[in-house]
Amino acid sequence: MKNIRSHRDTLEGRWRTLPIRKQRRCTLYFFVGYLLFTTVVVFKISYDAESPDKNMVIEHIENPLLEKNESPAFLQDTLQ
């Protein structure tokens, strides 16, 4: 925990030593990147939802351990 706190404090100190103009520019770049990423994801989801030729197949999840031909006693005992 101490290492994480010291690293965080170091980064916070470096951020505070930047001029306000650079802080605003970095914040603006991060916001624009976030906005662009969000827009792409929303359009991709809406495109996938609207395309009629794609069908979603809903099936039961099968346990891959049961597909192996192992004894059930070995599968139940996890302490060995």
PDB file of N, CA and C in Angstrom:
ATOM      1  N   MET A   1       0.817  -1.192   0.000  1.00  0.00           N
ATOM      2  CA  MET A   1       0.000   0.000   0.000  1.00  0.00           C
ATOM      3  C   MET A   1       0.859   1.254   0.000  1.00  0.00           C
ATOM      4  N   LYS A   2       1.957   1.186   0.737  1.00  0.00           N
ATOM      5  CA  LYS A   2       2.810   2.357   0.843  1.00  0.00           C
ATOM      6  C   LYS A   2       3.410   2.703  -0.516  1.00  0.00           C
ATOM      7  N   ASN A   3       3.777   1.673  -1.286  1.00  0.00           N
ATOM      8  CA  ASN A   3       4.359   1.893  -2.595  1.00  0.00           C
ATOM      9  C   ASN A   3       3.342   2.531  -3.542  1.00  0.00           C
ATOM     10  N   ILE A   4       2.107   2.087  -3.479  1.00  0.00           N
ATOM     11  CA  ILE A   4       1.060   2.641  -4.337  1.00  0.00           C
ATOM     12  C   ILE A   4       0.794   4.098  -3.964  1.00  0.00           C
ATOM     13  N   ARG A   5       0.735   4.367  -2.681  1.00  0.00           N
ATOM     14  CA  ARG A   5       0.490   5.747  -2.239  1.00  0.00           C
ATOM     15  C   ARG A   5       1.630   6.671  -2.648  1.00  0.00           C
ATOM     16  N   SER A   6       2.862   6.207  -2.505  1.00  0.00           N
ATOM     17  CA  SER A   6       3.993   7.059  -2.884  1.00  0.00           C
ATOM     18  C   SER A   6       4.013   7.296  -4.386  1.00  0.00           C
ATOM     19  N   HIS A   7       3.667   6.270  -5.160  1.00  0.00           N
ATOM     20  CA  HIS A   7       3.596   6.427  -6.614  1.00  0.00           C
ATOM     21  C   HIS A   7       2.483   7.409  -6.999  1.00  0.00           C
ATOM     22  N   ARG A   8       1.337   7.284  -6.330  1.00  0.00           N
ATOM     23  CA  ARG A   8       0.232   8.197  -6.590  1.00  0.00           C
ATOM     24  C   ARG A   8       0.612   9.629  -6.230  1.00  0.00           C
ATOM     25  N   ASP A   9       1.279   9.800  -5.105  1.00  0.00           N
ATOM     26  CA  ASP A   9       1.702  11.139  -4.690  1.00  0.00           C
ATOM     27  C   ASP A   9       2.718  11.727  -5.658  1.00  0.00           C
ATOM     28  N   THR A  10       3.593  10.880  -6.187  1.00  0.00           N
ATOM     29  CA  THR A  10       4.573  11.345  -7.175  1.00  0.00           C
ATOM     30  C   THR A  10       3.870  11.824  -8.436  1.00  0.00           C
ATOM     31  N   LEU A  11       2.911  11.032  -8.917  1.00  0.00           N
ATOM     32  CA  LEU A  11       2.170  11.429 -10.115  1.00  0.00           C
ATOM     33  C   LEU A  11       1.351  12.696  -9.874  1.00  0.00           C
ATOM     34  N   GLU A  12       0.754  12.790  -8.706  1.00  0.00           N
ATOM     35  CA  GLU A  12      -0.025  13.979  -8.368  1.00  0.00           C
ATOM     36  C   GLU A  12       0.877  15.214  -8.336  1.00  0.00           C
ATOM     37  N   GLY A  13       2.073  15.063  -7.793  1.00  0.00           N
ATOM     38  CA  GLY A  13       3.009  16.173  -7.759  1.00  0.00           C
ATOM     39  C   GLY A  13       3.455  16.591  -9.150  1.00  0.00           C
ATOM     40  N   ARG A  14       3.704  15.611 -10.011  1.00  0.00           N
ATOM     41  CA  ARG A  14       4.080  15.932 -11.392  1.00  0.00           C
ATOM     42  C   ARG A  14       2.946  16.639 -12.127  1.00  0.00           C
ATOM     43  N   TRP A  15       1.701  16.214 -11.860  1.00  0.00           N
ATOM     44  CA  TRP A  15       0.557  16.850 -12.504  1.00  0.00           C
ATOM     45  C   TRP A  15       0.422  18.304 -12.047  1.00  0.00           C
ATOM     46  N   ARG A  16       0.605  18.520 -10.750  1.00  0.00           N
ATOM     47  CA  ARG A  16       0.463  19.874 -10.210  1.00  0.00           C
ATOM     48  C   ARG A  16       1.575  20.816 -10.673  1.00  0.00           C
ATOM     49  N   THR A  17       2.742  20.268 -11.017  1.00  0.00           N
ATOM     50  CA  THR A  17       3.828  21.130 -11.490  1.00  0.00           C
ATOM     51  C   THR A  17       3.661  21.532 -12.945  1.00  0.00           C
ATOM     52  N   LEU A  18       2.784  20.849 -13.671  1.00  0.00           N
ATOM     53  CA  LEU A  18       2.522  21.252 -15.058  1.00  0.00           C
ATOM     54  C   LEU A  18       1.801  22.598 -15.074  1.00  0.00           C
ATOM     55  N   PRO A  19       2.077  23.406 -16.081  1.00  0.00           N
ATOM     56  CA  PRO A  19       1.323  24.654 -16.199  1.00  0.00           C
ATOM     57  C   PRO A  19      -0.163  24.370 -16.441  1.00  0.00           C
ATOM     58  N   ILE A  20      -0.996  25.302 -16.036  1.00  0.00           N
ATOM     59  CA  ILE A  20      -2.449  25.128 -16.171  1.00  0.00           C
ATOM     60  C   ILE A  20      -2.836  24.891 -17.628  1.00  0.00           C
ATOM     61  N   ARG A  21      -2.172  25.563 -18.541  1.00  0.00           N
ATOM     62  CA  ARG A  21      -2.501  25.417 -19.962  1.00  0.00           C
ATOM     63  C   ARG A  21      -2.271  23.975 -20.433  1.00  0.00           C
ATOM     64  N   LYS A  22      -1.164  23.362 -20.002  1.00  0.00           N
ATOM     65  CA  LYS A  22      -0.890  21.977 -20.379  1.00  0.00           C
ATOM     66  C   LYS A  22      -1.861  21.013 -19.692  1.00  0.00           C
ATOM     67  N   GLN A  23      -2.244  21.322 -18.450  1.00  0.00           N
ATOM     68  CA  GLN A  23      -3.223  20.485 -17.762  1.00  0.00           C
ATOM     69  C   GLN A  23      -4.544  20.496 -18.518  1.00  0.00           C
ATOM     70  N   ARG A  24      -4.973  21.677 -18.935  1.00  0.00           N
ATOM     71  CA  ARG A  24      -6.231  21.779 -19.677  1.00  0.00           C
ATOM     72  C   ARG A  24      -6.136  21.064 -21.020  1.00  0.00           C
ATOM     73  N   ARG A  25      -4.997  21.189 -21.689  1.00  0.00           N
ATOM     74  CA  ARG A  25      -4.825  20.536 -22.982  1.00  0.00           C
ATOM     75  C   ARG A  25      -4.854  19.021 -22.824  1.00  0.00           C
ATOM     76  N   CYS A  26      -4.163  18.489 -21.831  1.00  0.00           N
ATOM     77  CA  CYS A  26      -4.174  17.042 -21.581  1.00  0.00           C
ATOM     78  C   CYS A  26      -5.582  16.559 -21.239  1.00  0.00           C
ATOM     79  N   THR A  27      -6.266  17.319 -20.396  1.00  0.00           N
ATOM     80  CA  THR A  27      -7.632  16.956 -20.036  1.00  0.00           C
ATOM     81  C   THR A  27      -8.538  16.971 -21.263  1.00  0.00           C
ATOM     82  N   LEU A  28      -8.367  17.959 -22.121  1.00  0.00           N
ATOM     83  CA  LEU A  28      -9.162  18.042 -23.344  1.00  0.00           C
ATOM     84  C   LEU A  28      -8.870  16.864 -24.266  1.00  0.00           C
ATOM     85  N   TYR A  29      -7.585  16.485 -24.411  1.00  0.00           N
ATOM     86  CA  TYR A  29      -7.237  15.348 -25.259  1.00  0.00           C
ATOM     87  C   TYR A  29      -7.831  14.053 -24.724  1.00  0.00           C
ATOM     88  N   PHE A  30      -7.761  13.849 -23.421  1.00  0.00           N
ATOM     89  CA  PHE A  30      -8.353  12.648 -22.839  1.00  0.00           C
ATOM     90  C   PHE A  30      -9.867  12.633 -23.029  1.00  0.00           C
ATOM     91  N   PHE A  31     -10.507  13.789 -22.869  1.00  0.00           N
ATOM     92  CA  PHE A  31     -11.956  13.855 -23.047  1.00  0.00           C
ATOM     93  C   PHE A  31     -12.344  13.585 -24.495  1.00  0.00           C
ATOM     94  N   VAL A  32     -11.610  14.163 -25.445  1.00  0.00           N
ATOM     95  CA  VAL A  32     -11.909  13.942 -26.862  1.00  0.00           C
ATOM     96  C   VAL A  32     -11.690  12.471 -27.220  1.00  0.00           C
ATOM     97  N   GLY A  33     -10.629  11.861 -26.705  1.00  0.00           N
ATOM     98  CA  GLY A  33     -10.398  10.440 -26.945  1.00  0.00           C
ATOM     99  C   GLY A  33     -11.510   9.579 -26.370  1.00  0.00           C
ATOM    100  N   TYR A  34     -11.937   9.913 -25.168  1.00  0.00           N
ATOM    101  CA  TYR A  34     -13.041   9.180 -24.532  1.00  0.00           C
ATOM    102  C   TYR A  34     -14.331   9.346 -25.327  1.00  0.00           C
ATOM    103  N   LEU A  35     -14.606  10.559 -25.777  1.00  0.00           N
ATOM    104  CA  LEU A  35     -15.806  10.823 -26.558  1.00  0.00           C
ATOM    105  C   LEU A  35     -15.772  10.078 -27.887  1.00  0.00           C
ATOM    106  N   LEU A  36     -14.621  10.063 -28.551  1.00  0.00           N
ATOM    107  CA  LEU A  36     -14.478   9.347 -29.813  1.00  0.00           C
ATOM    108  C   LEU A  36     -14.665   7.849 -29.613  1.00  0.00           C
ATOM    109  N   PHE A  37     -14.048   7.311 -28.589  1.00  0.00           N
ATOM    110  CA  PHE A  37     -14.184   5.887 -28.296  1.00  0.00           C
ATOM    111  C   PHE A  37     -15.633   5.516 -27.982  1.00  0.00           C
ATOM    112  N   THR A  38     -16.304   6.340 -27.173  1.00  0.00           N
ATOM    113  CA  THR A  38     -17.701   6.086 -26.828  1.00  0.00           C
ATOM    114  C   THR A  38     -18.583   6.137 -28.062  1.00  0.00           C
ATOM    115  N   THR A  39     -18.348   7.100 -28.936  1.00  0.00           N
ATOM    116  CA  THR A  39     -19.136   7.231 -30.160  1.00  0.00           C
ATOM    117  C   THR A  39     -18.960   6.008 -31.045  1.00  0.00           C
ATOM    118  N   VAL A  40     -17.729   5.539 -31.205  1.00  0.00           N
ATOM    119  CA  VAL A  40     -17.477   4.355 -32.030  1.00  0.00           C
ATOM    120  C   VAL A  40     -18.179   3.137 -31.444  1.00  0.00           C
ATOM    121  N   VAL A  41     -18.120   2.969 -30.144  1.00  0.00           N
ATOM    122  CA  VAL A  41     -18.753   1.812 -29.507  1.00  0.00           C
ATOM    123  C   VAL A  41     -20.267   1.869 -29.666  1.00  0.00           C
ATOM    124  N   VAL A  42     -20.864   3.044 -29.490  1.00  0.00           N
ATOM    125  CA  VAL A  42     -22.319   3.176 -29.626  1.00  0.00           C
ATOM    126  C   VAL A  42     -22.747   2.880 -31.059  1.00  0.00           C
ATOM    127  N   PHE A  43     -22.021   3.390 -32.031  1.00  0.00           N
ATOM    128  CA  PHE A  43     -22.366   3.114 -33.428  1.00  0.00           C
ATOM    129  C   PHE A  43     -22.183   1.645 -33.768  1.00  0.00           C
ATOM    130  N   LYS A  44     -21.149   1.018 -33.251  1.00  0.00           N
ATOM    131  CA  LYS A  44     -20.925  -0.407 -33.507  1.00  0.00           C
ATOM    132  C   LYS A  44     -22.043  -1.253 -32.903  1.00  0.00           C
ATOM    133  N   ILE A  45     -22.451  -0.919 -31.694  1.00  0.00           N
ATOM    134  CA  ILE A  45     -23.538  -1.673 -31.060  1.00  0.00           C
ATOM    135  C   ILE A  45     -24.841  -1.470 -31.814  1.00  0.00           C
ATOM    136  N   SER A  46     -25.134  -0.236 -32.211  1.00  0.00           N
ATOM    137  CA  SER A  46     -26.378   0.006 -32.948  1.00  0.00           C
ATOM    138  C   SER A  46     -26.341  -0.663 -34.317  1.00  0.00           C
ATOM    139  N   TYR A  47     -25.180  -0.701 -34.961  1.00  0.00           N
ATOM    140  CA  TYR A  47     -25.070  -1.368 -36.256  1.00  0.00           C
ATOM    141  C   TYR A  47     -25.288  -2.867 -36.109  1.00  0.00           C
ATOM    142  N   ASP A  48     -24.685  -3.457 -35.075  1.00  0.00           N
ATOM    143  CA  ASP A  48     -24.861  -4.892 -34.853  1.00  0.00           C
ATOM    144  C   ASP A  48     -26.293  -5.236 -34.476  1.00  0.00           C
ATOM    145  N   ALA A  49     -26.963  -4.361 -33.758  1.00  0.00           N
ATOM    146  CA  ALA A  49     -28.337  -4.635 -33.329  1.00  0.00           C
ATOM    147  C   ALA A  49     -29.317  -4.483 -34.488  1.00  0.00           C
ATOM    148  N   GLU A  50     -29.026  -3.603 -35.438  1.00  0.00           N
ATOM    149  CA  GLU A  50     -29.958  -3.352 -36.531  1.00  0.00           C
ATOM    150  C   GLU A  50     -29.785  -4.297 -37.711  1.00  0.00           C
ATOM    151  N   SER A  51     -28.658  -4.933 -37.851  1.00  0.00           N
ATOM    152  CA  SER A  51     -28.454  -5.803 -39.014  1.00  0.00           C
ATOM    153  C   SER A  51     -29.319  -7.055 -38.870  1.00  0.00           C
ATOM    154  N   PRO A  52     -30.241  -7.264 -39.821  1.00  0.00           N
ATOM    155  CA  PRO A  52     -31.221  -8.354 -39.697  1.00  0.00           C
ATOM    156  C   PRO A  52     -30.642  -9.734 -40.012  1.00  0.00           C
ATOM    157  N   ASP A  53     -29.532  -9.817 -40.708  1.00  0.00           N
ATOM    158  CA  ASP A  53     -29.026 -11.121 -41.117  1.00  0.00           C
ATOM    159  C   ASP A  53     -28.253 -11.844 -40.023  1.00  0.00           C
ATOM    160  N   LYS A  54     -27.963 -11.158 -38.961  1.00  0.00           N
ATOM    161  CA  LYS A  54     -27.227 -11.796 -37.875  1.00  0.00           C
ATOM    162  C   LYS A  54     -28.203 -12.324 -36.822  1.00  0.00           C
ATOM    163  N   ASN A  55     -28.074 -13.595 -36.514  1.00  0.00           N
ATOM    164  CA  ASN A  55     -28.928 -14.216 -35.508  1.00  0.00           C
ATOM    165  C   ASN A  55     -28.101 -14.562 -34.289  1.00  0.00           C
ATOM    166  N   MET A  56     -28.646 -14.289 -33.136  1.00  0.00           N
ATOM    167  CA  MET A  56     -27.967 -14.627 -31.907  1.00  0.00           C
ATOM    168  C   MET A  56     -28.434 -16.010 -31.466  1.00  0.00           C
ATOM    169  N   VAL A  57     -27.495 -16.892 -31.285  1.00  0.00           N
ATOM    170  CA  VAL A  57     -27.807 -18.246 -30.857  1.00  0.00           C
ATOM    171  C   VAL A  57     -27.622 -18.317 -29.351  1.00  0.00           C
ATOM    172  N   ILE A  58     -28.686 -18.707 -28.669  1.00  0.00           N
ATOM    173  CA  ILE A  58     -28.638 -18.830 -27.216  1.00  0.00           C
ATOM    174  C   ILE A  58     -28.710 -20.314 -26.887  1.00  0.00           C
ATOM    175  N   GLU A  59     -27.663 -20.808 -26.254  1.00  0.00           N
ATOM    176  CA  GLU A  59     -27.603 -22.217 -25.893  1.00  0.00           C
ATOM    177  C   GLU A  59     -27.203 -22.346 -24.426  1.00  0.00           C
ATOM    178  N   HIS A  60     -27.372 -23.518 -23.896  1.00  0.00           N
ATOM    179  CA  HIS A  60     -26.939 -23.789 -22.535  1.00  0.00           C
ATOM    180  C   HIS A  60     -25.420 -23.841 -22.488  1.00  0.00           C
ATOM    181  N   ILE A  61     -24.863 -23.420 -21.380  1.00  0.00           N
ATOM    182  CA  ILE A  61     -23.428 -23.501 -21.183  1.00  0.00           C
ATOM    183  C   ILE A  61     -23.105 -24.899 -20.685  1.00  0.00           C
ATOM    184  N   GLU A  62     -22.173 -25.521 -21.375  1.00  0.00           N
ATOM    185  CA  GLU A  62     -21.797 -26.875 -20.992  1.00  0.00           C
ATOM    186  C   GLU A  62     -20.499 -26.840 -20.207  1.00  0.00           C
ATOM    187  N   ASN A  63     -20.422 -27.682 -19.200  1.00  0.00           N
ATOM    188  CA  ASN A  63     -19.236 -27.759 -18.372  1.00  0.00           C
ATOM    189  C   ASN A  63     -18.152 -28.521 -19.131  1.00  0.00           C
ATOM    190  N   PRO A  64     -17.010 -27.898 -19.429  1.00  0.00           N
ATOM    191  CA  PRO A  64     -15.979 -28.598 -20.198  1.00  0.00           C
ATOM    192  C   PRO A  64     -15.327 -29.733 -19.419  1.00  0.00           C
ATOM    193  N   LEU A  65     -15.408 -29.695 -18.089  1.00  0.00           N
ATOM    194  CA  LEU A  65     -14.830 -30.780 -17.301  1.00  0.00           C
ATOM    195  C   LEU A  65     -15.646 -32.053 -17.419  1.00  0.00           C
ATOM    196  N   LEU A  66     -16.935 -31.916 -17.627  1.00  0.00           N
ATOM    197  CA  LEU A  66     -17.776 -33.100 -17.734  1.00  0.00           C
ATOM    198  C   LEU A  66     -17.647 -33.760 -19.097  1.00  0.00           C
ATOM    199  N   GLU A  67     -17.157 -33.038 -20.088  1.00  0.00           N
ATOM    200  CA  GLU A  67     -16.976 -33.624 -21.407  1.00  0.00           C
ATOM    201  C   GLU A  67     -15.816 -34.610 -21.424  1.00  0.00           C
ATOM    202  N   LYS A  68     -14.847 -34.424 -20.532  1.00  0.00           N
ATOM    203  CA  LYS A  68     -13.756 -35.376 -20.414  1.00  0.00           C
ATOM    204  C   LYS A  68     -14.292 -36.627 -19.735  1.00  0.00           C
ATOM    205  N   ASN A  69     -13.742 -37.739 -20.061  1.00  0.00           N
ATOM    206  CA  ASN A  69     -14.204 -39.002 -19.471  1.00  0.00           C
ATOM    207  C   ASN A  69     -13.436 -39.288 -18.195  1.00  0.00           C
ATOM    208  N   GLU A  70     -13.649 -38.461 -17.197  1.00  0.00           N
ATOM    209  CA  GLU A  70     -13.017 -38.651 -15.903  1.00  0.00           C
ATOM    210  C   GLU A  70     -14.085 -39.044 -14.889  1.00  0.00           C
ATOM    211  N   SER A  71     -13.646 -39.629 -13.820  1.00  0.00           N
ATOM    212  CA  SER A  71     -14.603 -40.053 -12.806  1.00  0.00           C
ATOM    213  C   SER A  71     -15.138 -38.834 -12.062  1.00  0.00           C
ATOM    214  N   PRO A  72     -16.424 -38.829 -11.676  1.00  0.00           N
ATOM    215  CA  PRO A  72     -17.002 -37.704 -10.942  1.00  0.00           C
ATOM    216  C   PRO A  72     -16.369 -37.505  -9.578  1.00  0.00           C
ATOM    217  N   ALA A  73     -15.832 -38.566  -8.959  1.00  0.00           N
ATOM    218  CA  ALA A  73     -15.196 -38.435  -7.651  1.00  0.00           C
ATOM    219  C   ALA A  73     -13.958 -37.557  -7.749  1.00  0.00           C
ATOM    220  N   PHE A  74     -13.227 -37.664  -8.833  1.00  0.00           N
ATOM    221  CA  PHE A  74     -12.037 -36.836  -9.027  1.00  0.00           C
ATOM    222  C   PHE A  74     -12.443 -35.385  -9.211  1.00  0.00           C
ATOM    223  N   LEU A  75     -13.555 -35.123  -9.845  1.00  0.00           N
ATOM    224  CA  LEU A  75     -13.990 -33.760 -10.085  1.00  0.00           C
ATOM    225  C   LEU A  75     -14.495 -33.106  -8.812  1.00  0.00           C
ATOM    226  N   GLN A  76     -15.055 -33.873  -7.904  1.00  0.00           N
ATOM    227  CA  GLN A  76     -15.631 -33.299  -6.696  1.00  0.00           C
ATOM    228  C   GLN A  76     -14.579 -33.010  -5.637  1.00  0.00           C
ATOM    229  N   ASP A  77     -13.496 -33.757  -5.611  1.00  0.00           N
ATOM    230  CA  ASP A  77     -12.490 -33.572  -4.583  1.00  0.00           C
ATOM    231  C   ASP A  77     -11.431 -32.603  -5.102  1.00  0.00           C
ATOM    232  N   THR A  78     -11.491 -31.355  -4.609  1.00  0.00           N
ATOM    233  CA  THR A  78     -10.558 -30.345  -5.091  1.00  0.00           C
ATOM    234  C   THR A  78      -9.403 -30.122  -4.122  1.00  0.00           C
ATOM    235  N   LEU A  79      -9.358 -30.824  -2.999  1.00  0.00           N
ATOM    236  CA  LEU A  79      -8.323 -30.600  -2.006  1.00  0.00           C
ATOM    237  C   LEU A  79      -7.059 -31.398  -2.271  1.00  0.00           C
ATOM    238  N   GLN A  80      -7.109 -32.366  -3.177  1.00  0.00           N
ATOM    239  CA  GLN A  80      -5.922 -33.194  -3.409  1.00  0.00           C
ATOM    240  C   GLN A  80      -4.917 -32.507  -4.261  1.00  0.00           C
TER     241      GLN A  80
END
